[in-house]
Amino acid sequence: METITASSGNVFADLGFNPDEAANLQVRSKLLSELAAIIAESGMTQTEASTMLGIQQSRISDIKRGKIQRFSVDALIKLLAAVGRRVDVQVTAVAA
């Protein structure tokens, strides 16, 4: 019989990362996914995207491959700003 465990809402926490790291990974994942989708939808080549963003082509490849560990939250926010996106932050209390 299979056991199904409900998600906490953060896959990284579910995988056993400590709460601080899981929260950081979740934020970076969302930002990276959004950036990758924008690049894909634009139809730009990796070379065109790298020129527009002012980064090396290999970094575009990292974005497309979801290499989350290679990007900080700050770097991702700057890249999103370069493609005309604004990032809003929402802080909520955690249930005790």
N, C-alpha and C. Protein backbone atom coordinates (compact mmCIF):
# COMPACT_ATOMS: atom_id res chain seq x y z
N MET A 1 0.84 -1.17 0.00
CA MET A 1 0.00 0.00 0.00
C MET A 1 0.89 1.24 0.00
N GLU A 2 0.57 2.22 -0.84
CA GLU A 2 1.33 3.46 -0.93
C GLU A 2 0.88 4.45 0.13
N THR A 3 1.83 5.19 0.64
CA THR A 3 1.54 6.23 1.60
C THR A 3 1.73 7.57 0.91
N ILE A 4 0.76 8.43 1.03
CA ILE A 4 0.84 9.77 0.45
C ILE A 4 0.94 10.76 1.59
N THR A 5 1.96 11.59 1.52
CA THR A 5 2.17 12.60 2.55
C THR A 5 1.85 13.96 1.96
N ALA A 6 1.04 14.73 2.64
CA ALA A 6 0.67 16.07 2.17
C ALA A 6 1.89 16.97 2.20
N SER A 7 2.00 17.84 1.20
CA SER A 7 3.11 18.78 1.13
C SER A 7 2.94 19.90 2.16
N SER A 8 4.05 20.41 2.60
CA SER A 8 4.04 21.56 3.51
C SER A 8 3.82 22.85 2.74
N GLY A 9 3.88 22.77 1.41
CA GLY A 9 3.79 23.96 0.58
C GLY A 9 5.15 24.41 0.10
N ASN A 10 6.20 23.79 0.61
CA ASN A 10 7.56 24.09 0.18
C ASN A 10 8.26 22.76 -0.06
N VAL A 11 8.47 22.44 -1.31
CA VAL A 11 9.07 21.16 -1.67
C VAL A 11 10.45 20.99 -1.06
N PHE A 12 11.18 22.08 -0.88
CA PHE A 12 12.52 21.99 -0.31
C PHE A 12 12.47 21.61 1.17
N ALA A 13 11.49 22.12 1.88
CA ALA A 13 11.29 21.71 3.27
C ALA A 13 10.90 20.24 3.32
N ASP A 14 10.04 19.85 2.39
CA ASP A 14 9.61 18.45 2.33
C ASP A 14 10.78 17.50 2.05
N LEU A 15 11.80 18.02 1.35
CA LEU A 15 12.97 17.21 1.04
C LEU A 15 13.99 17.19 2.18
N GLY A 16 13.72 17.95 3.25
CA GLY A 16 14.56 17.88 4.43
C GLY A 16 15.54 19.03 4.62
N PHE A 17 15.47 20.05 3.75
CA PHE A 17 16.32 21.21 3.96
C PHE A 17 15.88 21.94 5.23
N ASN A 18 16.83 22.59 5.92
CA ASN A 18 16.44 23.33 7.11
C ASN A 18 15.52 24.48 6.69
N PRO A 19 14.70 24.99 7.59
CA PRO A 19 13.68 25.99 7.22
C PRO A 19 14.23 27.23 6.52
N ASP A 20 15.38 27.75 6.98
CA ASP A 20 15.95 28.94 6.36
C ASP A 20 16.37 28.67 4.92
N GLU A 21 17.07 27.57 4.72
CA GLU A 21 17.54 27.22 3.38
C GLU A 21 16.36 26.87 2.47
N ALA A 22 15.37 26.19 3.00
CA ALA A 22 14.19 25.82 2.21
C ALA A 22 13.46 27.07 1.72
N ALA A 23 13.34 28.07 2.59
CA ALA A 23 12.67 29.32 2.20
C ALA A 23 13.46 30.03 1.12
N ASN A 24 14.78 30.08 1.26
CA ASN A 24 15.62 30.73 0.26
C ASN A 24 15.54 29.99 -1.07
N LEU A 25 15.61 28.69 -1.04
CA LEU A 25 15.52 27.89 -2.27
C LEU A 25 14.17 28.07 -2.95
N GLN A 26 13.11 28.16 -2.18
CA GLN A 26 11.79 28.34 -2.76
C GLN A 26 11.69 29.68 -3.49
N VAL A 27 12.21 30.74 -2.88
CA VAL A 27 12.20 32.06 -3.51
C VAL A 27 13.03 32.04 -4.79
N ARG A 28 14.24 31.50 -4.70
CA ARG A 28 15.10 31.44 -5.89
C ARG A 28 14.47 30.61 -6.99
N SER A 29 13.82 29.52 -6.62
CA SER A 29 13.16 28.67 -7.60
C SER A 29 12.06 29.42 -8.36
N LYS A 30 11.26 30.16 -7.63
CA LYS A 30 10.18 30.93 -8.27
C LYS A 30 10.75 31.99 -9.21
N LEU A 31 11.77 32.70 -8.76
CA LEU A 31 12.38 33.75 -9.58
C LEU A 31 13.05 33.15 -10.82
N LEU A 32 13.78 32.06 -10.64
CA LEU A 32 14.46 31.42 -11.76
C LEU A 32 13.47 30.87 -12.77
N SER A 33 12.40 30.27 -12.30
CA SER A 33 11.37 29.73 -13.20
C SER A 33 10.73 30.83 -14.03
N GLU A 34 10.45 31.95 -13.38
CA GLU A 34 9.85 33.08 -14.09
C GLU A 34 10.80 33.61 -15.15
N LEU A 35 12.06 33.76 -14.81
CA LEU A 35 13.05 34.26 -15.76
C LEU A 35 13.21 33.29 -16.93
N ALA A 36 13.27 32.02 -16.66
CA ALA A 36 13.39 31.02 -17.72
C ALA A 36 12.18 31.07 -18.66
N ALA A 37 10.99 31.23 -18.10
CA ALA A 37 9.77 31.31 -18.92
C ALA A 37 9.79 32.55 -19.81
N ILE A 38 10.24 33.67 -19.28
CA ILE A 38 10.31 34.91 -20.05
C ILE A 38 11.27 34.75 -21.23
N ILE A 39 12.42 34.15 -20.96
CA ILE A 39 13.40 33.93 -22.04
C ILE A 39 12.83 32.99 -23.09
N ALA A 40 12.20 31.91 -22.66
CA ALA A 40 11.64 30.94 -23.60
C ALA A 40 10.54 31.57 -24.45
N GLU A 41 9.66 32.34 -23.81
CA GLU A 41 8.54 32.96 -24.53
C GLU A 41 9.00 34.04 -25.50
N SER A 42 10.16 34.64 -25.24
CA SER A 42 10.66 35.71 -26.10
C SER A 42 11.13 35.19 -27.46
N GLY A 43 11.50 33.92 -27.51
CA GLY A 43 12.00 33.35 -28.75
C GLY A 43 13.45 33.72 -29.02
N MET A 44 14.09 34.41 -28.08
CA MET A 44 15.49 34.79 -28.25
C MET A 44 16.40 33.57 -28.18
N THR A 45 17.51 33.66 -28.89
CA THR A 45 18.54 32.64 -28.73
C THR A 45 19.25 32.90 -27.41
N GLN A 46 20.04 31.94 -26.98
CA GLN A 46 20.80 32.14 -25.75
C GLN A 46 21.78 33.30 -25.91
N THR A 47 22.36 33.44 -27.08
CA THR A 47 23.29 34.54 -27.33
C THR A 47 22.57 35.88 -27.26
N GLU A 48 21.38 35.98 -27.85
CA GLU A 48 20.60 37.22 -27.80
C GLU A 48 20.20 37.55 -26.36
N ALA A 49 19.77 36.54 -25.64
CA ALA A 49 19.36 36.75 -24.25
C ALA A 49 20.55 37.18 -23.40
N SER A 50 21.70 36.60 -23.62
CA SER A 50 22.87 36.96 -22.83
C SER A 50 23.29 38.40 -23.10
N THR A 51 23.18 38.83 -24.35
CA THR A 51 23.50 40.21 -24.69
C THR A 51 22.53 41.17 -24.02
N MET A 52 21.24 40.85 -24.07
CA MET A 52 20.22 41.71 -23.46
C MET A 52 20.41 41.81 -21.95
N LEU A 53 20.76 40.69 -21.31
CA LEU A 53 20.89 40.66 -19.86
C LEU A 53 22.29 41.06 -19.37
N GLY A 54 23.23 41.14 -20.29
CA GLY A 54 24.59 41.51 -19.90
C GLY A 54 25.32 40.44 -19.13
N ILE A 55 25.02 39.19 -19.45
CA ILE A 55 25.69 38.06 -18.79
C ILE A 55 26.21 37.11 -19.86
N GLN A 56 27.07 36.20 -19.46
CA GLN A 56 27.62 35.23 -20.40
C GLN A 56 26.55 34.24 -20.86
N GLN A 57 26.72 33.72 -22.05
CA GLN A 57 25.77 32.76 -22.61
C GLN A 57 25.64 31.53 -21.71
N SER A 58 26.72 31.13 -21.07
CA SER A 58 26.66 29.95 -20.20
C SER A 58 25.70 30.17 -19.03
N ARG A 59 25.54 31.44 -18.60
CA ARG A 59 24.59 31.75 -17.52
C ARG A 59 23.15 31.57 -18.01
N ILE A 60 22.90 31.86 -19.29
CA ILE A 60 21.56 31.62 -19.86
C ILE A 60 21.28 30.13 -19.85
N SER A 61 22.27 29.35 -20.20
CA SER A 61 22.13 27.90 -20.16
C SER A 61 21.82 27.44 -18.73
N ASP A 62 22.49 28.03 -17.74
CA ASP A 62 22.21 27.69 -16.33
C ASP A 62 20.76 28.01 -15.97
N ILE A 63 20.26 29.14 -16.46
CA ILE A 63 18.87 29.53 -16.21
C ILE A 63 17.93 28.51 -16.82
N LYS A 64 18.16 28.18 -18.09
CA LYS A 64 17.27 27.24 -18.79
C LYS A 64 17.30 25.85 -18.17
N ARG A 65 18.41 25.48 -17.58
CA ARG A 65 18.54 24.15 -16.97
C ARG A 65 18.15 24.13 -15.50
N GLY A 66 17.73 25.29 -14.97
CA GLY A 66 17.27 25.35 -13.59
C GLY A 66 18.36 25.19 -12.56
N LYS A 67 19.55 25.65 -12.87
CA LYS A 67 20.69 25.52 -11.95
C LYS A 67 20.57 26.57 -10.85
N ILE A 68 19.66 26.33 -9.95
CA ILE A 68 19.29 27.27 -8.89
C ILE A 68 20.48 27.65 -8.01
N GLN A 69 21.40 26.73 -7.78
CA GLN A 69 22.53 26.99 -6.89
C GLN A 69 23.48 28.03 -7.44
N ARG A 70 23.37 28.37 -8.71
CA ARG A 70 24.29 29.33 -9.33
C ARG A 70 23.80 30.77 -9.30
N PHE A 71 22.63 31.00 -8.68
CA PHE A 71 22.06 32.34 -8.66
C PHE A 71 21.59 32.72 -7.27
N SER A 72 21.91 33.94 -6.87
CA SER A 72 21.40 34.47 -5.61
C SER A 72 20.05 35.14 -5.88
N VAL A 73 19.31 35.40 -4.83
CA VAL A 73 18.04 36.13 -4.97
C VAL A 73 18.31 37.49 -5.60
N ASP A 74 19.35 38.17 -5.12
CA ASP A 74 19.70 39.49 -5.64
C ASP A 74 19.98 39.45 -7.14
N ALA A 75 20.78 38.49 -7.58
CA ALA A 75 21.11 38.37 -9.00
C ALA A 75 19.85 38.12 -9.84
N LEU A 76 18.97 37.28 -9.35
CA LEU A 76 17.74 36.97 -10.10
C LEU A 76 16.82 38.19 -10.19
N ILE A 77 16.74 38.96 -9.12
CA ILE A 77 15.91 40.18 -9.15
C ILE A 77 16.47 41.16 -10.18
N LYS A 78 17.80 41.31 -10.22
CA LYS A 78 18.42 42.20 -11.20
C LYS A 78 18.15 41.73 -12.63
N LEU A 79 18.23 40.45 -12.86
CA LEU A 79 17.98 39.92 -14.20
C LEU A 79 16.51 40.11 -14.59
N LEU A 80 15.61 39.91 -13.66
CA LEU A 80 14.19 40.13 -13.94
C LEU A 80 13.92 41.61 -14.24
N ALA A 81 14.59 42.50 -13.53
CA ALA A 81 14.45 43.93 -13.81
C ALA A 81 14.94 44.25 -15.22
N ALA A 82 15.99 43.56 -15.65
CA ALA A 82 16.54 43.79 -16.99
C ALA A 82 15.57 43.38 -18.10
N VAL A 83 14.63 42.49 -17.78
CA VAL A 83 13.62 42.09 -18.77
C VAL A 83 12.28 42.77 -18.49
N GLY A 84 12.33 43.83 -17.70
CA GLY A 84 11.13 44.64 -17.48
C GLY A 84 10.14 44.10 -16.46
N ARG A 85 10.64 43.34 -15.51
CA ARG A 85 9.76 42.81 -14.47
C ARG A 85 10.11 43.42 -13.13
N ARG A 86 9.11 43.61 -12.30
CA ARG A 86 9.28 44.09 -10.94
C ARG A 86 8.96 42.93 -10.00
N VAL A 87 9.75 42.77 -8.99
CA VAL A 87 9.54 41.72 -8.01
C VAL A 87 8.96 42.35 -6.75
N ASP A 88 7.82 41.87 -6.31
CA ASP A 88 7.20 42.32 -5.07
C ASP A 88 7.44 41.26 -4.01
N VAL A 89 7.67 41.73 -2.79
CA VAL A 89 7.93 40.81 -1.68
C VAL A 89 6.77 40.89 -0.69
N GLN A 90 6.36 39.73 -0.22
CA GLN A 90 5.29 39.68 0.77
C GLN A 90 5.82 38.88 1.96
N VAL A 91 5.67 39.44 3.14
CA VAL A 91 6.12 38.77 4.36
C VAL A 91 4.88 38.44 5.18
N THR A 92 4.81 37.18 5.63
CA THR A 92 3.67 36.76 6.43
C THR A 92 4.17 36.05 7.69
N ALA A 93 3.38 36.08 8.72
CA ALA A 93 3.72 35.40 9.97
C ALA A 93 3.54 33.91 9.79
N VAL A 94 4.40 33.16 10.43
CA VAL A 94 4.31 31.70 10.40
C VAL A 94 3.45 31.27 11.58
N ALA A 95 2.54 30.33 11.34
CA ALA A 95 1.70 29.83 12.42
C ALA A 95 2.56 29.16 13.48
N ALA A 96 2.26 29.46 14.71
CA ALA A 96 3.06 28.89 15.82
C ALA A 96 2.73 27.44 16.05
